[in-house]
Amino acid sequence: MNKKVTNDKSENKPHMKQMKVFLSHPEHAVVTMAANMKGLNVGDYMKQVVIAQAKKDAREMNKIIDSI
């Protein structure tokens, strides 16, 4: 009984989903500048900002639900 050994590390990686955002040139420039000011690449900056805003929106929605 031999165990199957693979070099594929994907079993250990969390499953990820991709989101695409279409930005105008000026919007992209602003996001890029903000990311650079924070010392992040654009993808990491966008991830950080989207998650922070989603958490804020979720808190607001919970307040509305609780007030009913």
PDB file of N, CA and C in Angstrom:
ATOM      1  N   MET A   1       0.831  -1.179   0.000  1.00  0.00           N
ATOM      2  CA  MET A   1       0.000   0.000   0.000  1.00  0.00           C
ATOM      3  C   MET A   1       0.874   1.240   0.000  1.00  0.00           C
ATOM      4  N   ASN A   2       1.025   1.820  -1.139  1.00  0.00           N
ATOM      5  CA  ASN A   2       1.837   3.016  -1.287  1.00  0.00           C
ATOM      6  C   ASN A   2       0.953   4.252  -1.218  1.00  0.00           C
ATOM      7  N   LYS A   3       1.415   5.237  -0.505  1.00  0.00           N
ATOM      8  CA  LYS A   3       0.703   6.516  -0.465  1.00  0.00           C
ATOM      9  C   LYS A   3       1.101   7.324  -1.684  1.00  0.00           C
ATOM     10  N   LYS A   4       0.120   8.003  -2.238  1.00  0.00           N
ATOM     11  CA  LYS A   4       0.382   8.851  -3.395  1.00  0.00           C
ATOM     12  C   LYS A   4       1.057  10.145  -2.914  1.00  0.00           C
ATOM     13  N   VAL A   5       2.211  10.440  -3.434  1.00  0.00           N
ATOM     14  CA  VAL A   5       2.951  11.634  -3.052  1.00  0.00           C
ATOM     15  C   VAL A   5       2.975  12.569  -4.253  1.00  0.00           C
ATOM     16  N   THR A   6       2.548  13.802  -4.031  1.00  0.00           N
ATOM     17  CA  THR A   6       2.573  14.784  -5.108  1.00  0.00           C
ATOM     18  C   THR A   6       3.336  16.015  -4.658  1.00  0.00           C
ATOM     19  N   ASN A   7       3.761  16.774  -5.626  1.00  0.00           N
ATOM     20  CA  ASN A   7       4.431  18.045  -5.339  1.00  0.00           C
ATOM     21  C   ASN A   7       3.436  19.197  -5.314  1.00  0.00           C
ATOM     22  N   ASP A   8       2.164  18.892  -5.535  1.00  0.00           N
ATOM     23  CA  ASP A   8       1.127  19.920  -5.578  1.00  0.00           C
ATOM     24  C   ASP A   8       0.816  20.411  -4.168  1.00  0.00           C
ATOM     25  N   LYS A   9       1.080  21.681  -3.930  1.00  0.00           N
ATOM     26  CA  LYS A   9       0.845  22.271  -2.610  1.00  0.00           C
ATOM     27  C   LYS A   9      -0.550  22.892  -2.516  1.00  0.00           C
ATOM     28  N   SER A  10      -1.372  22.778  -3.572  1.00  0.00           N
ATOM     29  CA  SER A  10      -2.675  23.433  -3.584  1.00  0.00           C
ATOM     30  C   SER A  10      -3.601  22.884  -2.506  1.00  0.00           C
ATOM     31  N   GLU A  11      -3.371  21.681  -2.028  1.00  0.00           N
ATOM     32  CA  GLU A  11      -4.204  21.114  -0.975  1.00  0.00           C
ATOM     33  C   GLU A  11      -4.071  21.919   0.315  1.00  0.00           C
ATOM     34  N   ASN A  12      -2.934  22.549   0.532  1.00  0.00           N
ATOM     35  CA  ASN A  12      -2.676  23.296   1.758  1.00  0.00           C
ATOM     36  C   ASN A  12      -3.065  24.761   1.658  1.00  0.00           C
ATOM     37  N   LYS A  13      -3.417  25.231   0.452  1.00  0.00           N
ATOM     38  CA  LYS A  13      -3.729  26.641   0.258  1.00  0.00           C
ATOM     39  C   LYS A  13      -5.224  26.875   0.472  1.00  0.00           C
ATOM     40  N   PRO A  14      -5.582  28.013   1.058  1.00  0.00           N
ATOM     41  CA  PRO A  14      -7.001  28.326   1.203  1.00  0.00           C
ATOM     42  C   PRO A  14      -7.611  28.610  -0.175  1.00  0.00           C
ATOM     43  N   HIS A  15      -8.874  28.295  -0.315  1.00  0.00           N
ATOM     44  CA  HIS A  15      -9.550  28.570  -1.576  1.00  0.00           C
ATOM     45  C   HIS A  15      -9.777  30.069  -1.687  1.00  0.00           C
ATOM     46  N   MET A  16      -9.445  30.629  -2.832  1.00  0.00           N
ATOM     47  CA  MET A  16      -9.546  32.072  -3.033  1.00  0.00           C
ATOM     48  C   MET A  16     -10.548  32.353  -4.149  1.00  0.00           C
ATOM     49  N   LYS A  17     -11.199  33.493  -4.080  1.00  0.00           N
ATOM     50  CA  LYS A  17     -12.085  33.984  -5.118  1.00  0.00           C
ATOM     51  C   LYS A  17     -11.496  35.269  -5.667  1.00  0.00           C
ATOM     52  N   GLN A  18     -11.744  35.520  -6.944  1.00  0.00           N
ATOM     53  CA  GLN A  18     -11.203  36.711  -7.580  1.00  0.00           C
ATOM     54  C   GLN A  18     -12.329  37.704  -7.844  1.00  0.00           C
ATOM     55  N   MET A  19     -12.047  38.986  -7.623  1.00  0.00           N
ATOM     56  CA  MET A  19     -12.973  40.060  -7.939  1.00  0.00           C
ATOM     57  C   MET A  19     -12.283  40.990  -8.933  1.00  0.00           C
ATOM     58  N   LYS A  20     -13.033  41.460  -9.905  1.00  0.00           N
ATOM     59  CA  LYS A  20     -12.479  42.414 -10.864  1.00  0.00           C
ATOM     60  C   LYS A  20     -13.194  43.747 -10.698  1.00  0.00           C
ATOM     61  N   VAL A  21     -12.424  44.806 -10.768  1.00  0.00           N
ATOM     62  CA  VAL A  21     -12.965  46.154 -10.666  1.00  0.00           C
ATOM     63  C   VAL A  21     -12.456  46.943 -11.858  1.00  0.00           C
ATOM     64  N   PHE A  22     -13.362  47.577 -12.565  1.00  0.00           N
ATOM     65  CA  PHE A  22     -12.974  48.403 -13.699  1.00  0.00           C
ATOM     66  C   PHE A  22     -12.887  49.852 -13.239  1.00  0.00           C
ATOM     67  N   LEU A  23     -11.727  50.457 -13.432  1.00  0.00           N
ATOM     68  CA  LEU A  23     -11.479  51.835 -13.008  1.00  0.00           C
ATOM     69  C   LEU A  23     -11.110  52.682 -14.210  1.00  0.00           C
ATOM     70  N   SER A  24     -11.496  53.942 -14.157  1.00  0.00           N
ATOM     71  CA  SER A  24     -11.038  54.884 -15.176  1.00  0.00           C
ATOM     72  C   SER A  24      -9.558  55.169 -14.909  1.00  0.00           C
ATOM     73  N   HIS A  25      -8.900  55.808 -15.838  1.00  0.00           N
ATOM     74  CA  HIS A  25      -7.479  56.133 -15.644  1.00  0.00           C
ATOM     75  C   HIS A  25      -7.266  57.021 -14.414  1.00  0.00           C
ATOM     76  N   PRO A  26      -8.093  58.072 -14.220  1.00  0.00           N
ATOM     77  CA  PRO A  26      -7.900  58.890 -13.013  1.00  0.00           C
ATOM     78  C   PRO A  26      -8.159  58.104 -11.717  1.00  0.00           C
ATOM     79  N   GLU A  27      -9.174  57.234 -11.713  1.00  0.00           N
ATOM     80  CA  GLU A  27      -9.451  56.426 -10.528  1.00  0.00           C
ATOM     81  C   GLU A  27      -8.288  55.479 -10.232  1.00  0.00           C
ATOM     82  N   HIS A  28      -7.752  54.881 -11.277  1.00  0.00           N
ATOM     83  CA  HIS A  28      -6.618  53.958 -11.098  1.00  0.00           C
ATOM     84  C   HIS A  28      -5.403  54.706 -10.559  1.00  0.00           C
ATOM     85  N   ALA A  29      -5.205  55.915 -11.042  1.00  0.00           N
ATOM     86  CA  ALA A  29      -4.075  56.722 -10.570  1.00  0.00           C
ATOM     87  C   ALA A  29      -4.214  57.034  -9.079  1.00  0.00           C
ATOM     88  N   VAL A  30      -5.438  57.354  -8.644  1.00  0.00           N
ATOM     89  CA  VAL A  30      -5.671  57.660  -7.230  1.00  0.00           C
ATOM     90  C   VAL A  30      -5.412  56.423  -6.369  1.00  0.00           C
ATOM     91  N   VAL A  31      -5.926  55.271  -6.800  1.00  0.00           N
ATOM     92  CA  VAL A  31      -5.740  54.032  -6.041  1.00  0.00           C
ATOM     93  C   VAL A  31      -4.259  53.672  -5.986  1.00  0.00           C
ATOM     94  N   THR A  32      -3.575  53.800  -7.100  1.00  0.00           N
ATOM     95  CA  THR A  32      -2.147  53.486  -7.144  1.00  0.00           C
ATOM     96  C   THR A  32      -1.354  54.406  -6.224  1.00  0.00           C
ATOM     97  N   MET A  33      -1.682  55.693  -6.244  1.00  0.00           N
ATOM     98  CA  MET A  33      -0.991  56.641  -5.379  1.00  0.00           C
ATOM     99  C   MET A  33      -1.243  56.312  -3.906  1.00  0.00           C
ATOM    100  N   ALA A  34      -2.490  56.009  -3.563  1.00  0.00           N
ATOM    101  CA  ALA A  34      -2.820  55.680  -2.171  1.00  0.00           C
ATOM    102  C   ALA A  34      -2.093  54.407  -1.728  1.00  0.00           C
ATOM    103  N   ALA A  35      -2.038  53.408  -2.608  1.00  0.00           N
ATOM    104  CA  ALA A  35      -1.337  52.169  -2.285  1.00  0.00           C
ATOM    105  C   ALA A  35       0.145  52.437  -2.055  1.00  0.00           C
ATOM    106  N   ASN A  36       0.739  53.252  -2.917  1.00  0.00           N
ATOM    107  CA  ASN A  36       2.156  53.589  -2.766  1.00  0.00           C
ATOM    108  C   ASN A  36       2.423  54.337  -1.469  1.00  0.00           C
ATOM    109  N   MET A  37       1.502  55.225  -1.092  1.00  0.00           N
ATOM    110  CA  MET A  37       1.672  55.976   0.153  1.00  0.00           C
ATOM    111  C   MET A  37       1.618  55.053   1.363  1.00  0.00           C
ATOM    112  N   LYS A  38       0.860  53.963   1.267  1.00  0.00           N
ATOM    113  CA  LYS A  38       0.762  52.986   2.356  1.00  0.00           C
ATOM    114  C   LYS A  38       1.864  51.931   2.272  1.00  0.00           C
ATOM    115  N   GLY A  39       2.653  51.964   1.199  1.00  0.00           N
ATOM    116  CA  GLY A  39       3.721  50.982   1.032  1.00  0.00           C
ATOM    117  C   GLY A  39       3.217  49.612   0.617  1.00  0.00           C
ATOM    118  N   LEU A  40       2.066  49.566  -0.053  1.00  0.00           N
ATOM    119  CA  LEU A  40       1.468  48.307  -0.487  1.00  0.00           C
ATOM    120  C   LEU A  40       1.398  48.251  -2.000  1.00  0.00           C
ATOM    121  N   ASN A  41       1.299  47.034  -2.544  1.00  0.00           N
ATOM    122  CA  ASN A  41       1.014  46.963  -3.973  1.00  0.00           C
ATOM    123  C   ASN A  41      -0.491  47.176  -4.144  1.00  0.00           C
ATOM    124  N   VAL A  42      -0.922  47.472  -5.358  1.00  0.00           N
ATOM    125  CA  VAL A  42      -2.309  47.857  -5.608  1.00  0.00           C
ATOM    126  C   VAL A  42      -3.275  46.740  -5.211  1.00  0.00           C
ATOM    127  N   GLY A  43      -2.955  45.495  -5.525  1.00  0.00           N
ATOM    128  CA  GLY A  43      -3.842  44.381  -5.191  1.00  0.00           C
ATOM    129  C   GLY A  43      -4.053  44.236  -3.699  1.00  0.00           C
ATOM    130  N   ASP A  44      -2.972  44.325  -2.929  1.00  0.00           N
ATOM    131  CA  ASP A  44      -3.093  44.223  -1.474  1.00  0.00           C
ATOM    132  C   ASP A  44      -3.869  45.401  -0.900  1.00  0.00           C
ATOM    133  N   TYR A  45      -3.632  46.586  -1.450  1.00  0.00           N
ATOM    134  CA  TYR A  45      -4.344  47.775  -0.992  1.00  0.00           C
ATOM    135  C   TYR A  45      -5.838  47.634  -1.266  1.00  0.00           C
ATOM    136  N   MET A  46      -6.189  47.211  -2.490  1.00  0.00           N
ATOM    137  CA  MET A  46      -7.596  47.054  -2.844  1.00  0.00           C
ATOM    138  C   MET A  46      -8.265  46.024  -1.930  1.00  0.00           C
ATOM    139  N   LYS A  47      -7.580  44.921  -1.656  1.00  0.00           N
ATOM    140  CA  LYS A  47      -8.137  43.889  -0.776  1.00  0.00           C
ATOM    141  C   LYS A  47      -8.411  44.466   0.606  1.00  0.00           C
ATOM    142  N   GLN A  48      -7.445  45.201   1.139  1.00  0.00           N
ATOM    143  CA  GLN A  48      -7.567  45.801   2.474  1.00  0.00           C
ATOM    144  C   GLN A  48      -8.739  46.776   2.533  1.00  0.00           C
ATOM    145  N   VAL A  49      -8.857  47.626   1.525  1.00  0.00           N
ATOM    146  CA  VAL A  49      -9.900  48.650   1.505  1.00  0.00           C
ATOM    147  C   VAL A  49     -11.284  48.027   1.316  1.00  0.00           C
ATOM    148  N   VAL A  50     -11.398  47.048   0.431  1.00  0.00           N
ATOM    149  CA  VAL A  50     -12.697  46.410   0.187  1.00  0.00           C
ATOM    150  C   VAL A  50     -13.175  45.689   1.437  1.00  0.00           C
ATOM    151  N   ILE A  51     -12.300  44.962   2.097  1.00  0.00           N
ATOM    152  CA  ILE A  51     -12.691  44.233   3.309  1.00  0.00           C
ATOM    153  C   ILE A  51     -13.077  45.209   4.421  1.00  0.00           C
ATOM    154  N   ALA A  52     -12.326  46.284   4.585  1.00  0.00           N
ATOM    155  CA  ALA A  52     -12.646  47.276   5.620  1.00  0.00           C
ATOM    156  C   ALA A  52     -14.019  47.897   5.365  1.00  0.00           C
ATOM    157  N   GLN A  53     -14.322  48.229   4.124  1.00  0.00           N
ATOM    158  CA  GLN A  53     -15.616  48.829   3.803  1.00  0.00           C
ATOM    159  C   GLN A  53     -16.746  47.823   3.980  1.00  0.00           C
ATOM    160  N   ALA A  54     -16.516  46.576   3.613  1.00  0.00           N
ATOM    161  CA  ALA A  54     -17.546  45.545   3.780  1.00  0.00           C
ATOM    162  C   ALA A  54     -17.877  45.339   5.254  1.00  0.00           C
ATOM    163  N   LYS A  55     -16.855  45.342   6.109  1.00  0.00           N
ATOM    164  CA  LYS A  55     -17.094  45.199   7.546  1.00  0.00           C
ATOM    165  C   LYS A  55     -17.904  46.385   8.073  1.00  0.00           C
ATOM    166  N   LYS A  56     -17.573  47.581   7.616  1.00  0.00           N
ATOM    167  CA  LYS A  56     -18.298  48.782   8.039  1.00  0.00           C
ATOM    168  C   LYS A  56     -19.763  48.692   7.592  1.00  0.00           C
ATOM    169  N   ASP A  57     -19.988  48.291   6.346  1.00  0.00           N
ATOM    170  CA  ASP A  57     -21.349  48.168   5.831  1.00  0.00           C
ATOM    171  C   ASP A  57     -22.133  47.100   6.590  1.00  0.00           C
ATOM    172  N   ALA A  58     -21.470  46.001   6.924  1.00  0.00           N
ATOM    173  CA  ALA A  58     -22.140  44.920   7.662  1.00  0.00           C
ATOM    174  C   ALA A  58     -22.548  45.398   9.050  1.00  0.00           C
ATOM    175  N   ARG A  59     -21.693  46.178   9.710  1.00  0.00           N
ATOM    176  CA  ARG A  59     -22.041  46.718  11.024  1.00  0.00           C
ATOM    177  C   ARG A  59     -23.265  47.631  10.926  1.00  0.00           C
ATOM    178  N   GLU A  60     -23.290  48.459   9.886  1.00  0.00           N
ATOM    179  CA  GLU A  60     -24.425  49.364   9.690  1.00  0.00           C
ATOM    180  C   GLU A  60     -25.710  48.568   9.457  1.00  0.00           C
ATOM    181  N   MET A  61     -25.623  47.503   8.665  1.00  0.00           N
ATOM    182  CA  MET A  61     -26.796  46.686   8.381  1.00  0.00           C
ATOM    183  C   MET A  61     -27.287  46.016   9.664  1.00  0.00           C
ATOM    184  N   ASN A  62     -26.369  45.551  10.507  1.00  0.00           N
ATOM    185  CA  ASN A  62     -26.763  44.932  11.775  1.00  0.00           C
ATOM    186  C   ASN A  62     -27.474  45.945  12.672  1.00  0.00           C
ATOM    187  N   LYS A  63     -27.023  47.198  12.671  1.00  0.00           N
ATOM    188  CA  LYS A  63     -27.689  48.230  13.473  1.00  0.00           C
ATOM    189  C   LYS A  63     -29.123  48.443  12.990  1.00  0.00           C
ATOM    190  N   ILE A  64     -29.316  48.439  11.676  1.00  0.00           N
ATOM    191  CA  ILE A  64     -30.663  48.610  11.121  1.00  0.00           C
ATOM    192  C   ILE A  64     -31.546  47.432  11.497  1.00  0.00           C
ATOM    193  N   ILE A  65     -31.014  46.227  11.354  1.00  0.00           N
ATOM    194  CA  ILE A  65     -31.781  45.029  11.694  1.00  0.00           C
ATOM    195  C   ILE A  65     -32.145  45.020  13.174  1.00  0.00           C
ATOM    196  N   ASP A  66     -31.193  45.368  14.031  1.00  0.00           N
ATOM    197  CA  ASP A  66     -31.436  45.374  15.466  1.00  0.00           C
ATOM    198  C   ASP A  66     -32.479  46.411  15.886  1.00  0.00           C
ATOM    199  N   SER A  67     -32.602  47.482  15.111  1.00  0.00           N
ATOM    200  CA  SER A  67     -33.543  48.542  15.483  1.00  0.00           C
ATOM    201  C   SER A  67     -34.983  48.200  15.102  1.00  0.00           C
ATOM    202  N   ILE A  68     -35.165  47.137  14.354  1.00  0.00           N
ATOM    203  CA  ILE A  68     -36.532  46.748  13.929  1.00  0.00           C
ATOM    204  C   ILE A  68     -37.222  45.990  15.028  1.00  0.00           C
TER     205      ILE A  68
END
